[in-house]
């Protein structure tokens, strides 16, 4: 992998595979852990944390951007430091901190969530990003889809 230039086809195929994990993880975390807490935080008010086609479309866009960022950051780190466990942890943690930590701290700071929700959302999203980076690591190591 380190000898290669950026291979668009390989990147897109790996992103597609990793996005399956990201989507499953996001949906599971939201419906099982986050949504009930947000509804409770807003005392069951109507229209809070509801789901419809428009929201799922935005969520799909969000997950796609998230996965693109994770796989690209992993590729940059692996190209620089090699495809290793440290690279997986670095890539997962960098994306997690720049996306999830900022999002959840801002959400709680604006009063749109309680701070206790962060105790669940942040560790689970860190696990999601590290597993996603690990998947990218394994897929890049197979050199499958290389141009």
C-alpha atoms as a PDB file:
ATOM      1  CA  UNK A   1       0.000   0.000   0.000  1.00  0.00           C
ATOM      2  CA  UNK A   2       2.756   2.472   0.813  1.00  0.00           C
ATOM      3  CA  UNK A   3       4.179   2.302  -2.694  1.00  0.00           C
ATOM      4  CA  UNK A   4       0.878   3.154  -4.341  1.00  0.00           C
ATOM      5  CA  UNK A   5      -0.478   6.465  -5.414  1.00  0.00           C
ATOM      6  CA  UNK A   6      -4.048   7.162  -4.454  1.00  0.00           C
ATOM      7  CA  UNK A   7      -6.227   4.555  -6.194  1.00  0.00           C
ATOM      8  CA  UNK A   8      -9.719   5.997  -6.602  1.00  0.00           C
ATOM      9  CA  UNK A   9     -11.448   2.703  -7.410  1.00  0.00           C
ATOM     10  CA  UNK A  10      -9.854   0.976  -4.411  1.00  0.00           C
ATOM     11  CA  UNK A  11     -10.726   3.901  -2.137  1.00  0.00           C
ATOM     12  CA  UNK A  12     -14.367   3.934  -3.265  1.00  0.00           C
ATOM     13  CA  UNK A  13     -14.794   0.170  -2.902  1.00  0.00           C
ATOM     14  CA  UNK A  14     -13.260   0.173   0.584  1.00  0.00           C
ATOM     15  CA  UNK A  15     -15.420   3.157   1.507  1.00  0.00           C
ATOM     16  CA  UNK A  16     -18.510   1.279   0.323  1.00  0.00           C
ATOM     17  CA  UNK A  17     -17.682  -1.782   2.447  1.00  0.00           C
ATOM     18  CA  UNK A  18     -16.767   0.273   5.539  1.00  0.00           C
ATOM     19  CA  UNK A  19     -19.956   2.329   5.124  1.00  0.00           C
ATOM     20  CA  UNK A  20     -22.003  -0.810   5.768  1.00  0.00           C
ATOM     21  CA  UNK A  21     -20.437  -1.037   9.243  1.00  0.00           C
ATOM     22  CA  UNK A  22     -20.803   2.707   9.847  1.00  0.00           C
ATOM     23  CA  UNK A  23     -24.491   2.682   8.904  1.00  0.00           C
ATOM     24  CA  UNK A  24     -25.282  -0.368  11.053  1.00  0.00           C
ATOM     25  CA  UNK A  25     -23.416   1.105  14.002  1.00  0.00           C
ATOM     26  CA  UNK A  26     -25.017   4.548  13.648  1.00  0.00           C
ATOM     27  CA  UNK A  27     -28.550   3.180  13.404  1.00  0.00           C
ATOM     28  CA  UNK A  28     -28.052   0.762  16.296  1.00  0.00           C
ATOM     29  CA  UNK A  29     -26.493   3.386  18.589  1.00  0.00           C
ATOM     30  CA  UNK A  30     -29.158   5.940  17.773  1.00  0.00           C
ATOM     31  CA  UNK A  31     -32.256   3.786  18.160  1.00  0.00           C
ATOM     32  CA  UNK A  32     -31.080   1.736  21.141  1.00  0.00           C
ATOM     33  CA  UNK A  33     -29.159   4.304  23.202  1.00  0.00           C
ATOM     34  CA  UNK A  34     -29.458   7.900  21.991  1.00  0.00           C
ATOM     35  CA  UNK A  35     -33.038   8.382  20.807  1.00  0.00           C
ATOM     36  CA  UNK A  36     -34.651   7.232  24.069  1.00  0.00           C
ATOM     37  CA  UNK A  37     -32.417   9.583  26.061  1.00  0.00           C
ATOM     38  CA  UNK A  38     -33.071  12.551  23.772  1.00  0.00           C
ATOM     39  CA  UNK A  39     -36.846  11.952  23.937  1.00  0.00           C
ATOM     40  CA  UNK A  40     -36.609  11.731  27.722  1.00  0.00           C
ATOM     41  CA  UNK A  41     -34.457  14.874  27.887  1.00  0.00           C
ATOM     42  CA  UNK A  42     -37.151  16.796  26.004  1.00  0.00           C
ATOM     43  CA  UNK A  43     -39.820  15.252  28.229  1.00  0.00           C
ATOM     44  CA  UNK A  44     -41.526  13.342  25.414  1.00  0.00           C
ATOM     45  CA  UNK A  45     -42.377  16.436  23.323  1.00  0.00           C
ATOM     46  CA  UNK A  46     -43.773  15.653  19.894  1.00  0.00           C
ATOM     47  CA  UNK A  47     -41.488  16.074  16.895  1.00  0.00           C
ATOM     48  CA  UNK A  48     -38.272  15.410  18.805  1.00  0.00           C
ATOM     49  CA  UNK A  49     -36.002  12.678  17.394  1.00  0.00           C
ATOM     50  CA  UNK A  50     -38.642  11.593  14.879  1.00  0.00           C
ATOM     51  CA  UNK A  51     -37.665   9.725  11.731  1.00  0.00           C
ATOM     52  CA  UNK A  52     -38.936  10.124   8.189  1.00  0.00           C
ATOM     53  CA  UNK A  53     -37.557   9.769   4.671  1.00  0.00           C
ATOM     54  CA  UNK A  54     -35.981  13.222   4.715  1.00  0.00           C
ATOM     55  CA  UNK A  55     -34.123  12.524   7.944  1.00  0.00           C
ATOM     56  CA  UNK A  56     -32.923   9.154   6.665  1.00  0.00           C
ATOM     57  CA  UNK A  57     -31.652  10.882   3.504  1.00  0.00           C
ATOM     58  CA  UNK A  58     -29.678  13.395   5.565  1.00  0.00           C
ATOM     59  CA  UNK A  59     -28.443  10.589   7.791  1.00  0.00           C
ATOM     60  CA  UNK A  60     -27.260   8.642   4.734  1.00  0.00           C
ATOM     61  CA  UNK A  61     -25.388  11.727   3.524  1.00  0.00           C
ATOM     62  CA  UNK A  62     -23.850  12.169   6.983  1.00  0.00           C
ATOM     63  CA  UNK A  63     -22.737   8.522   7.131  1.00  0.00           C
ATOM     64  CA  UNK A  64     -21.244   8.767   3.641  1.00  0.00           C
ATOM     65  CA  UNK A  65     -19.206  11.863   4.550  1.00  0.00           C
ATOM     66  CA  UNK A  66     -18.144  10.247   7.800  1.00  0.00           C
ATOM     67  CA  UNK A  67     -16.988   7.079   6.035  1.00  0.00           C
ATOM     68  CA  UNK A  68     -15.189   8.994   3.282  1.00  0.00           C
ATOM     69  CA  UNK A  69     -13.319  10.995   5.926  1.00  0.00           C
ATOM     70  CA  UNK A  70     -12.425   7.902   7.961  1.00  0.00           C
ATOM     71  CA  UNK A  71     -11.132   5.867   5.015  1.00  0.00           C
ATOM     72  CA  UNK A  72      -9.197   8.821   3.585  1.00  0.00           C
ATOM     73  CA  UNK A  73      -7.620   9.730   6.933  1.00  0.00           C
ATOM     74  CA  UNK A  74      -6.714   6.070   7.430  1.00  0.00           C
ATOM     75  CA  UNK A  75      -5.127   5.976   3.952  1.00  0.00           C
ATOM     76  CA  UNK A  76      -3.084   9.124   4.720  1.00  0.00           C
ATOM     77  CA  UNK A  77      -1.881   7.748   8.055  1.00  0.00           C
ATOM     78  CA  UNK A  78      -1.105   4.311   6.592  1.00  0.00           C
ATOM     79  CA  UNK A  79       0.828   5.883   3.746  1.00  0.00           C
ATOM     80  CA  UNK A  80       2.863   7.858   6.265  1.00  0.00           C
ATOM     81  CA  UNK A  81       3.181   5.427   9.195  1.00  0.00           C
ATOM     82  CA  UNK A  82       2.381   2.040   7.640  1.00  0.00           C
ATOM     83  CA  UNK A  83      -0.667  -0.159   7.988  1.00  0.00           C
ATOM     84  CA  UNK A  84      -0.534  -1.029  11.682  1.00  0.00           C
ATOM     85  CA  UNK A  85      -2.599  -1.126  14.854  1.00  0.00           C
ATOM     86  CA  UNK A  86      -1.262   2.297  15.832  1.00  0.00           C
ATOM     87  CA  UNK A  87      -2.426   3.687  12.483  1.00  0.00           C
ATOM     88  CA  UNK A  88      -5.890   2.196  13.017  1.00  0.00           C
ATOM     89  CA  UNK A  89      -6.093   3.777  16.485  1.00  0.00           C
ATOM     90  CA  UNK A  90      -4.768   7.134  15.266  1.00  0.00           C
ATOM     91  CA  UNK A  91      -7.109   7.359  12.285  1.00  0.00           C
ATOM     92  CA  UNK A  92     -10.145   6.258  14.282  1.00  0.00           C
ATOM     93  CA  UNK A  93      -9.369   8.648  17.125  1.00  0.00           C
ATOM     94  CA  UNK A  94      -8.655  11.653  14.887  1.00  0.00           C
ATOM     95  CA  UNK A  95     -11.914  11.269  12.973  1.00  0.00           C
ATOM     96  CA  UNK A  96     -13.831  10.548  16.185  1.00  0.00           C
ATOM     97  CA  UNK A  97     -12.488  13.619  17.963  1.00  0.00           C
ATOM     98  CA  UNK A  98     -13.048  15.969  15.037  1.00  0.00           C
ATOM     99  CA  UNK A  99     -16.562  14.736  14.307  1.00  0.00           C
ATOM    100  CA  UNK A 100     -18.195  13.159  17.347  1.00  0.00           C
ATOM    101  CA  UNK A 101     -16.540  14.951  20.245  1.00  0.00           C
ATOM    102  CA  UNK A 102     -17.161  18.352  18.668  1.00  0.00           C
ATOM    103  CA  UNK A 103     -20.742  17.422  17.740  1.00  0.00           C
ATOM    104  CA  UNK A 104     -21.743  16.001  21.114  1.00  0.00           C
ATOM    105  CA  UNK A 105     -20.031  18.651  23.226  1.00  0.00           C
ATOM    106  CA  UNK A 106     -21.667  21.374  21.113  1.00  0.00           C
ATOM    107  CA  UNK A 107     -25.054  19.635  21.349  1.00  0.00           C
ATOM    108  CA  UNK A 108     -24.870  19.375  25.140  1.00  0.00           C
ATOM    109  CA  UNK A 109     -23.451  22.886  25.449  1.00  0.00           C
ATOM    110  CA  UNK A 110     -26.430  24.306  23.507  1.00  0.00           C
ATOM    111  CA  UNK A 111     -28.850  22.465  25.785  1.00  0.00           C
ATOM    112  CA  UNK A 112     -30.000  20.044  23.085  1.00  0.00           C
ATOM    113  CA  UNK A 113     -28.876  17.021  25.090  1.00  0.00           C
ATOM    114  CA  UNK A 114     -27.839  16.297  28.628  1.00  0.00           C
ATOM    115  CA  UNK A 115     -24.182  15.736  29.424  1.00  0.00           C
ATOM    116  CA  UNK A 116     -24.916  12.161  30.576  1.00  0.00           C
ATOM    117  CA  UNK A 117     -25.754  11.210  26.989  1.00  0.00           C
ATOM    118  CA  UNK A 118     -22.122  11.906  26.101  1.00  0.00           C
ATOM    119  CA  UNK A 119     -21.065   9.108  28.459  1.00  0.00           C
ATOM    120  CA  UNK A 120     -22.823   6.677  26.112  1.00  0.00           C
ATOM    121  CA  UNK A 121     -22.526   8.383  22.723  1.00  0.00           C
ATOM    122  CA  UNK A 122     -18.801   9.116  22.820  1.00  0.00           C
ATOM    123  CA  UNK A 123     -17.415   5.679  23.762  1.00  0.00           C
ATOM    124  CA  UNK A 124     -19.739   3.916  21.321  1.00  0.00           C
ATOM    125  CA  UNK A 125     -18.834   6.284  18.491  1.00  0.00           C
ATOM    126  CA  UNK A 126     -15.127   5.829  19.269  1.00  0.00           C
ATOM    127  CA  UNK A 127     -15.605   2.076  18.966  1.00  0.00           C
ATOM    128  CA  UNK A 128     -17.419   2.647  15.658  1.00  0.00           C
ATOM    129  CA  UNK A 129     -14.540   4.701  14.246  1.00  0.00           C
ATOM    130  CA  UNK A 130     -11.802   2.323  15.417  1.00  0.00           C
ATOM    131  CA  UNK A 131     -13.627  -0.700  14.002  1.00  0.00           C
ATOM    132  CA  UNK A 132     -14.185   1.225  10.756  1.00  0.00           C
ATOM    133  CA  UNK A 133     -10.471   2.062  10.541  1.00  0.00           C
ATOM    134  CA  UNK A 134      -9.623  -1.580  11.309  1.00  0.00           C
ATOM    135  CA  UNK A 135     -11.881  -2.704   8.464  1.00  0.00           C
ATOM    136  CA  UNK A 136     -10.181  -0.222   6.131  1.00  0.00           C
ATOM    137  CA  UNK A 137      -6.813  -1.544   7.298  1.00  0.00           C
ATOM    138  CA  UNK A 138      -7.742  -5.133   6.512  1.00  0.00           C
ATOM    139  CA  UNK A 139      -9.262  -4.235   3.150  1.00  0.00           C
ATOM    140  CA  UNK A 140      -6.246  -2.172   2.091  1.00  0.00           C
ATOM    141  CA  UNK A 141      -3.959  -5.016   3.191  1.00  0.00           C
ATOM    142  CA  UNK A 142      -5.665  -7.425   0.794  1.00  0.00           C
ATOM    143  CA  UNK A 143      -4.758  -5.049  -2.046  1.00  0.00           C
ATOM    144  CA  UNK A 144      -8.109  -5.954  -3.555  1.00  0.00           C
ATOM    145  CA  UNK A 145      -9.513  -3.466  -6.075  1.00  0.00           C
ATOM    146  CA  UNK A 146      -6.078  -1.939  -6.626  1.00  0.00           C
ATOM    147  CA  UNK A 147      -5.797  -0.307 -10.031  1.00  0.00           C
END
